[in-house]
Amino acid sequence: MDLEEFCCAICLETLYKPAVSHCGHCFCFWCFHHGMSNLGSSHCPLCRAELRHLPAICEPLHAYICATFPARAAERAAATKLEERQSWHAEAPEPRPLAGAGTAASFACAGCGGLAAPPAVLTCGHVVHARRGGGGCPVDGCVGQAPEGGLAPCGLIDAILRKELSAEEYAAASACGCERVRRERGGPPAEALVGREVQLRSLRTEDGRAVEGVTGVVVGEEAGELVVEVSVESREVRVPAEHVSLVEAARSAEESYVHFGRGCDGCGVYPVVGRCYRCADCSEAIGYDLCGSCYDAGVHTRDAPSGRFNQAHKPEHNLVEVRQVVTVVHQLQRAHPELSLEQIVTLVNAHVAEHQN
């Protein structure tokens, strides 16, 4: 493949520290970041697919480019580091050296270890089989995600595999991947799960209540379905009837609150919606933030909890919840849910300009 095929569609330079969207398109990490909206969901500049996460660097693709075009990669590294110091005052993480860089073998599925054909990339940067569909990253402790609709194959990585492999080798790898994905979706046999604790997404109790996040223990199998023993703690909260709608409205407002300009250093969601936590001890200007889900998962307490921008965060650091300050933009967002945040900001700016003139 020629160097021109590894061109970022935003800056038109050779890809450096590439990030891959769930729609399968590749951009430089910083180009991806600067192209995202800090007000709400963003869109791919090539296909207009909705983007809600800033992906981590795809290390196998970065290693392949550096191994295949070392001189050009060194030039891009020097230029990017200079711009990071002078303009952005932050830096993207340095990808780890990978075995097999520059070969098809480096694009192994993070879940099964087989060649990922056709390949797709999760928000964490891990390469997986495109046929895995939605869900989380198969790597233990990783909070990478895929949209519910599934992942689109990464065209650039797929082109690399087709170049490095013969048609027969690619077909064999793809067929093997299909079988692995089928087994993965089928899951382990019930007897292997007996006695293990499992997390249920939701559960409806006998009195009709919907309960989420229930933990139970597998006790057996019946008619092809797992039998899970759960214990749902019943808690009563007494609220005057006339206040119920106000309570629900307040809860909904908290869960839908947008933290403009704050992204999650765990899963990469940008901007964070709902609860948000900021590290009180990280000294970098860009800060270290987590969404509520990543905070609950303990991402900040792990051995190597580096953020999207190479922050020197440590497990012993203290995180505090970011207070939700309701601005006029938030109020207009609730009053006019049919408008995008960009449209609301445009209207506010026009209103301010009109009164200034």
Protein backbone atom coordinates (compact mmCIF):
# COMPACT_ATOMS: atom_id res chain seq x y z
CA MET A 1 0.00 0.00 0.00
CA ASP A 2 1.18 3.54 -0.77
CA LEU A 3 1.73 6.27 1.80
CA GLU A 4 -1.16 8.27 0.30
CA GLU A 5 -3.58 5.56 1.43
CA PHE A 6 -2.72 6.37 5.07
CA CYS A 7 -3.90 9.97 4.83
CA CYS A 8 -6.12 11.62 7.47
CA ALA A 9 -9.27 13.01 5.83
CA ILE A 10 -9.25 16.03 8.17
CA CYS A 11 -5.67 17.35 8.12
CA LEU A 12 -4.69 15.61 4.85
CA GLU A 13 -1.41 14.53 6.47
CA THR A 14 -0.18 11.00 7.13
CA LEU A 15 -2.15 9.42 9.97
CA TYR A 16 -0.38 9.83 13.30
CA LYS A 17 -1.65 8.11 16.45
CA PRO A 18 -4.80 7.11 14.55
CA ALA A 19 -8.20 6.83 16.19
CA VAL A 20 -10.93 4.77 14.52
CA SER A 21 -14.63 5.62 14.71
CA HIS A 22 -17.30 2.95 15.14
CA CYS A 23 -18.28 3.65 11.51
CA GLY A 24 -14.83 2.42 10.48
CA HIS A 25 -13.10 5.68 9.48
CA CYS A 26 -9.60 6.66 10.63
CA PHE A 27 -8.36 10.09 11.70
CA CYS A 28 -5.39 11.42 13.64
CA PHE A 29 -6.19 11.43 17.36
CA TRP A 30 -5.94 15.22 17.64
CA CYS A 31 -7.93 15.75 14.43
CA PHE A 32 -10.66 13.51 15.83
CA HIS A 33 -10.67 15.44 19.12
CA HIS A 34 -10.74 18.88 17.51
CA GLY A 35 -13.49 17.76 15.15
CA MET A 36 -15.86 16.82 17.98
CA SER A 37 -18.49 19.11 19.43
CA ASN A 38 -18.13 19.99 23.12
CA LEU A 39 -21.88 20.63 23.31
CA GLY A 40 -23.37 17.29 22.28
CA SER A 41 -23.04 14.35 19.94
CA SER A 42 -20.73 14.78 16.95
CA HIS A 43 -20.79 13.35 13.44
CA CYS A 44 -18.22 11.62 11.28
CA PRO A 45 -16.94 14.09 8.66
CA LEU A 46 -17.02 11.35 6.01
CA CYS A 47 -20.33 9.54 6.51
CA ARG A 48 -22.13 11.73 9.11
CA ALA A 49 -22.60 8.81 11.51
CA GLU A 50 -23.33 10.02 15.04
CA LEU A 51 -20.28 9.90 17.33
CA ARG A 52 -20.53 10.06 21.11
CA HIS A 53 -17.03 8.91 22.08
CA LEU A 54 -13.49 10.12 21.49
CA PRO A 55 -11.75 6.82 20.70
CA ALA A 56 -8.39 5.90 22.17
CA ILE A 57 -5.46 5.47 19.81
CA CYS A 58 -5.55 2.22 17.82
CA GLU A 59 -2.11 0.91 18.79
CA PRO A 60 -1.86 -1.88 16.17
CA LEU A 61 -2.61 0.56 13.33
CA HIS A 62 -0.18 3.15 14.73
CA ALA A 63 2.54 0.49 15.02
CA TYR A 64 1.90 -0.69 11.45
CA ILE A 65 2.25 2.83 10.04
CA CYS A 66 5.44 3.48 12.04
CA ALA A 67 6.98 0.17 10.92
CA THR A 68 5.99 0.61 7.26
CA PHE A 69 6.85 4.30 6.88
CA PRO A 70 9.41 5.02 9.65
CA ALA A 71 10.82 8.25 8.20
CA ARG A 72 7.42 9.83 7.61
CA ALA A 73 6.17 8.67 11.02
CA ALA A 74 9.18 10.32 12.69
CA GLU A 75 8.42 13.59 10.89
CA ARG A 76 4.79 13.49 12.00
CA ALA A 77 5.84 12.68 15.57
CA ALA A 78 8.15 15.70 15.77
CA ALA A 79 5.56 18.06 14.28
CA THR A 80 2.77 16.78 16.53
CA LYS A 81 4.82 17.01 19.72
CA LEU A 82 5.79 20.59 18.88
CA GLU A 83 2.15 21.52 18.35
CA GLU A 84 1.14 19.76 21.57
CA ARG A 85 3.59 21.91 23.54
CA GLN A 86 2.92 25.21 21.79
CA SER A 87 -0.81 25.12 21.07
CA TRP A 88 -2.68 22.38 22.90
CA HIS A 89 -0.81 22.17 26.24
CA ALA A 90 -1.66 18.47 26.41
CA GLU A 91 -0.40 15.29 24.81
CA ALA A 92 -1.89 12.12 23.45
CA PRO A 93 -0.72 8.89 25.12
CA GLU A 94 2.36 7.20 23.67
CA PRO A 95 1.34 3.83 22.18
CA ARG A 96 3.16 0.78 23.50
CA PRO A 97 5.57 -1.17 21.28
CA LEU A 98 3.79 -4.18 19.82
CA ALA A 99 5.14 -7.54 18.72
CA GLY A 100 4.58 -8.22 15.05
CA ALA A 101 4.25 -4.54 14.14
CA GLY A 102 4.11 -4.05 10.39
CA THR A 103 2.49 -7.43 9.77
CA ALA A 104 -1.06 -8.75 9.65
CA ALA A 105 -0.43 -10.66 12.89
CA SER A 106 -0.61 -7.44 14.90
CA PHE A 107 -4.33 -7.12 14.07
CA ALA A 108 -5.47 -9.99 16.27
CA CYS A 109 -8.92 -9.88 17.88
CA ALA A 110 -8.66 -8.72 21.49
CA GLY A 111 -11.33 -11.23 22.42
CA CYS A 112 -10.27 -14.54 20.91
CA GLY A 113 -6.72 -13.90 19.71
CA GLY A 114 -7.48 -14.93 16.15
CA LEU A 115 -6.97 -12.62 13.20
CA ALA A 116 -9.73 -10.00 13.19
CA ALA A 117 -11.15 -10.45 9.70
CA PRO A 118 -13.10 -8.36 8.95
CA PRO A 119 -11.63 -5.96 11.53
CA ALA A 120 -13.36 -3.31 13.63
CA VAL A 121 -12.13 -1.07 16.44
CA LEU A 122 -13.79 -0.34 19.80
CA THR A 123 -13.69 3.06 21.53
CA CYS A 124 -10.77 1.80 23.64
CA GLY A 125 -8.66 1.21 20.51
CA HIS A 126 -8.76 -2.59 20.71
CA VAL A 127 -9.25 -4.44 17.43
CA VAL A 128 -12.04 -7.05 17.34
CA HIS A 129 -14.05 -9.03 14.81
CA ALA A 130 -16.55 -6.70 13.15
CA ARG A 131 -19.23 -9.38 13.56
CA ARG A 132 -19.13 -9.13 17.36
CA GLY A 133 -21.91 -6.53 17.22
CA GLY A 134 -22.53 -4.16 20.12
CA GLY A 135 -21.41 -4.46 23.71
CA GLY A 136 -18.28 -3.87 25.72
CA CYS A 137 -14.63 -4.71 25.21
CA PRO A 138 -13.68 -8.37 25.81
CA VAL A 139 -10.46 -7.34 27.60
CA ASP A 140 -10.84 -7.67 31.39
CA GLY A 141 -11.25 -4.31 33.09
CA CYS A 142 -11.49 -2.34 29.84
CA VAL A 143 -14.45 0.02 29.43
CA GLY A 144 -14.32 0.25 25.63
CA GLN A 145 -17.69 0.18 23.93
CA ALA A 146 -19.44 -0.48 20.66
CA PRO A 147 -22.83 0.97 19.65
CA GLU A 148 -25.88 -1.26 19.95
CA GLY A 149 -26.14 -1.40 16.17
CA GLY A 150 -22.68 -2.96 15.96
CA LEU A 151 -19.36 -1.92 14.50
CA ALA A 152 -18.60 -1.19 10.88
CA PRO A 153 -15.41 -2.79 9.54
CA CYS A 154 -12.40 -0.49 9.42
CA GLY A 155 -11.69 -0.11 5.71
CA LEU A 156 -8.03 0.80 6.16
CA ILE A 157 -7.15 -2.14 8.42
CA ASP A 158 -9.17 -4.46 6.19
CA ALA A 159 -7.15 -3.24 3.18
CA ILE A 160 -3.93 -3.96 5.10
CA LEU A 161 -5.06 -7.52 5.86
CA ARG A 162 -6.08 -8.15 2.26
CA LYS A 163 -2.67 -6.90 1.11
CA GLU A 164 -0.70 -8.96 3.63
CA LEU A 165 -2.75 -12.14 3.21
CA SER A 166 -3.66 -14.21 0.21
CA ALA A 167 -7.35 -14.48 -0.68
CA GLU A 168 -7.39 -18.01 0.76
CA GLU A 169 -5.73 -16.91 4.01
CA TYR A 170 -8.16 -14.02 4.44
CA ALA A 171 -11.17 -16.26 3.77
CA ALA A 172 -9.89 -18.82 6.27
CA ALA A 173 -9.31 -16.13 8.92
CA SER A 174 -12.78 -14.71 8.31
CA ALA A 175 -14.44 -18.13 8.56
CA CYS A 176 -12.50 -18.90 11.74
CA GLY A 177 -13.56 -15.55 13.17
CA CYS A 178 -17.22 -16.25 12.41
CA GLU A 179 -17.02 -19.52 14.35
CA ARG A 180 -15.34 -17.84 17.31
CA VAL A 181 -17.96 -15.08 17.39
CA ARG A 182 -20.74 -17.66 17.20
CA ARG A 183 -19.30 -19.50 20.20
CA GLU A 184 -18.76 -16.23 22.04
CA ARG A 185 -22.36 -15.19 21.54
CA GLY A 186 -23.56 -18.64 22.53
CA GLY A 187 -21.72 -18.36 25.84
CA PRO A 188 -20.42 -21.11 28.10
CA PRO A 189 -22.59 -24.11 29.02
CA ALA A 190 -24.93 -23.73 31.96
CA GLU A 191 -23.07 -26.28 34.12
CA ALA A 192 -19.96 -24.10 33.93
CA LEU A 193 -21.91 -21.15 35.33
CA VAL A 194 -23.59 -22.83 38.30
CA GLY A 195 -22.58 -21.10 41.51
CA ARG A 196 -21.22 -18.05 39.73
CA GLU A 197 -22.46 -14.54 40.45
CA VAL A 198 -23.96 -12.78 37.44
CA GLN A 199 -25.24 -9.28 36.78
CA LEU A 200 -28.74 -8.94 35.34
CA ARG A 201 -29.50 -5.87 33.26
CA SER A 202 -33.08 -5.65 34.49
CA LEU A 203 -35.67 -7.65 36.39
CA ARG A 204 -39.42 -7.30 36.88
CA THR A 205 -40.60 -8.35 40.33
CA GLU A 206 -43.85 -10.15 41.16
CA ASP A 207 -45.51 -6.86 42.09
CA GLY A 208 -44.62 -5.41 38.69
CA ARG A 209 -41.67 -3.25 39.73
CA ALA A 210 -38.79 -2.91 37.28
CA VAL A 211 -35.41 -3.26 39.00
CA GLU A 212 -32.07 -2.65 37.29
CA GLY A 213 -28.53 -3.71 38.17
CA VAL A 214 -29.59 -6.85 40.07
CA THR A 215 -26.94 -9.36 41.13
CA GLY A 216 -27.80 -13.04 41.36
CA VAL A 217 -26.30 -16.53 41.53
CA VAL A 218 -26.79 -19.19 38.82
CA VAL A 219 -28.38 -22.27 40.39
CA GLY A 220 -29.14 -24.38 37.31
CA GLU A 221 -30.81 -24.66 33.91
CA GLU A 222 -34.43 -25.22 32.95
CA ALA A 223 -35.85 -25.52 29.43
CA GLY A 224 -32.68 -24.10 27.93
CA GLU A 225 -32.68 -21.06 30.19
CA LEU A 226 -30.48 -20.25 33.16
CA VAL A 227 -32.13 -20.25 36.57
CA VAL A 228 -30.75 -17.36 38.62
CA GLU A 229 -31.46 -16.85 42.31
CA VAL A 230 -31.73 -13.18 43.20
CA SER A 231 -32.47 -11.19 46.31
CA VAL A 232 -34.10 -7.84 45.66
CA GLU A 233 -33.99 -5.50 48.62
CA SER A 234 -37.28 -3.66 48.97
CA ARG A 235 -36.90 -0.03 49.93
CA GLU A 236 -39.84 2.32 50.38
CA VAL A 237 -39.49 6.02 49.75
CA ARG A 238 -42.51 8.06 50.83
CA VAL A 239 -43.15 11.14 48.71
CA PRO A 240 -46.36 13.23 48.67
CA ALA A 241 -48.36 12.39 45.56
CA GLU A 242 -48.34 15.97 44.30
CA HIS A 243 -44.53 15.96 44.39
CA VAL A 244 -43.99 12.79 42.36
CA SER A 245 -43.86 14.57 39.01
CA LEU A 246 -41.41 17.11 40.42
CA VAL A 247 -39.15 14.37 41.77
CA GLU A 248 -39.19 12.54 38.44
CA ALA A 249 -38.49 15.77 36.57
CA ALA A 250 -35.54 16.58 38.83
CA ARG A 251 -34.10 13.08 38.43
CA SER A 252 -34.52 13.26 34.65
CA ALA A 253 -32.83 16.67 34.56
CA GLU A 254 -29.84 15.36 36.53
CA GLU A 255 -29.45 12.31 34.29
CA SER A 256 -29.66 14.35 31.07
CA TYR A 257 -27.45 17.24 32.23
CA VAL A 258 -24.66 17.91 29.72
CA HIS A 259 -21.24 18.87 31.09
CA PHE A 260 -20.16 21.05 28.19
CA GLY A 261 -16.50 20.56 27.29
CA ARG A 262 -15.89 17.69 29.73
CA GLY A 263 -15.05 14.27 28.32
CA CYS A 264 -14.60 10.95 30.09
CA ASP A 265 -10.99 9.76 30.37
CA GLY A 266 -12.27 6.22 30.80
CA CYS A 267 -14.68 5.33 27.99
CA GLY A 268 -14.16 8.54 26.00
CA VAL A 269 -17.78 9.75 25.98
CA TYR A 270 -17.74 13.44 25.00
CA PRO A 271 -19.28 15.46 26.43
CA VAL A 272 -20.23 13.70 29.67
CA VAL A 273 -23.97 13.44 30.31
CA GLY A 274 -25.31 12.94 33.84
CA ARG A 275 -22.94 12.45 36.75
CA CYS A 276 -19.37 13.61 36.21
CA TYR A 277 -16.31 13.36 38.47
CA ARG A 278 -13.11 15.40 38.30
CA CYS A 279 -9.74 14.54 39.87
CA ALA A 280 -8.80 17.10 42.52
CA ASP A 281 -5.13 16.07 42.46
CA CYS A 282 -4.23 15.95 38.75
CA SER A 283 -2.27 19.08 37.85
CA GLU A 284 -2.73 19.06 34.07
CA ALA A 285 -4.75 21.96 32.68
CA ILE A 286 -6.95 19.57 30.72
CA GLY A 287 -7.84 17.75 33.96
CA TYR A 288 -8.95 14.16 34.50
CA ASP A 289 -12.69 13.48 34.34
CA LEU A 290 -14.88 10.38 34.45
CA CYS A 291 -18.51 9.78 33.61
CA GLY A 292 -20.74 8.19 36.26
CA SER A 293 -20.46 4.69 34.76
CA CYS A 294 -16.65 4.71 34.65
CA TYR A 295 -16.49 6.15 38.17
CA ASP A 296 -18.77 3.38 39.45
CA ALA A 297 -16.56 0.83 37.65
CA GLY A 298 -13.52 2.14 39.55
CA VAL A 299 -11.54 3.12 36.45
CA HIS A 300 -9.67 5.77 38.45
CA THR A 301 -8.43 3.26 41.05
CA ARG A 302 -6.76 0.81 38.66
CA ASP A 303 -3.01 0.30 38.43
CA ALA A 304 -2.59 2.22 35.18
CA PRO A 305 -5.54 4.63 34.91
CA SER A 306 -3.99 6.95 32.33
CA GLY A 307 -6.47 9.24 30.61
CA ARG A 308 -7.16 10.15 27.01
CA PHE A 309 -4.46 12.85 27.23
CA ASN A 310 -1.67 11.02 29.05
CA GLN A 311 -2.45 12.59 32.42
CA ALA A 312 -0.33 11.50 35.38
CA HIS A 313 -3.37 10.27 37.30
CA LYS A 314 -2.69 7.88 40.19
CA PRO A 315 -5.06 5.42 41.91
CA GLU A 316 -4.72 7.23 45.24
CA HIS A 317 -5.92 10.54 43.80
CA ASN A 318 -9.21 11.98 45.03
CA LEU A 319 -12.14 12.46 42.66
CA VAL A 320 -15.00 14.85 43.45
CA GLU A 321 -18.38 15.09 41.76
CA VAL A 322 -18.74 18.07 39.45
CA ARG A 323 -21.65 20.29 40.48
CA GLN A 324 -24.36 20.67 37.87
CA VAL A 325 -24.76 24.39 37.19
CA VAL A 326 -27.89 25.02 35.14
CA THR A 327 -27.25 27.68 32.49
CA VAL A 328 -29.66 29.36 30.09
CA VAL A 329 -28.52 26.85 27.46
CA HIS A 330 -29.57 23.95 29.71
CA GLN A 331 -32.94 25.60 30.35
CA LEU A 332 -33.56 26.11 26.65
CA GLN A 333 -32.50 22.53 25.99
CA ARG A 334 -35.24 21.26 28.33
CA ALA A 335 -37.83 23.66 26.93
CA HIS A 336 -37.01 22.83 23.29
CA PRO A 337 -35.83 19.20 23.05
CA GLU A 338 -36.46 19.31 19.30
CA LEU A 339 -33.47 21.66 18.87
CA SER A 340 -29.84 20.56 18.93
CA LEU A 341 -27.48 22.23 21.36
CA GLU A 342 -25.65 23.84 18.46
CA GLN A 343 -28.93 25.40 17.29
CA ILE A 344 -29.67 26.64 20.81
CA VAL A 345 -26.23 28.22 21.18
CA THR A 346 -26.65 29.89 17.79
CA LEU A 347 -29.99 31.36 18.89
CA VAL A 348 -28.53 32.58 22.19
CA ASN A 349 -25.57 34.21 20.44
CA ALA A 350 -27.92 35.88 17.94
CA HIS A 351 -30.09 37.17 20.79
CA VAL A 352 -27.06 38.56 22.64
CA ALA A 353 -25.71 40.20 19.48
CA GLU A 354 -29.09 41.77 18.77
CA HIS A 355 -29.26 43.37 22.22
CA GLN A 356 -25.67 44.59 22.00
CA ASN A 357 -26.46 46.43 18.75
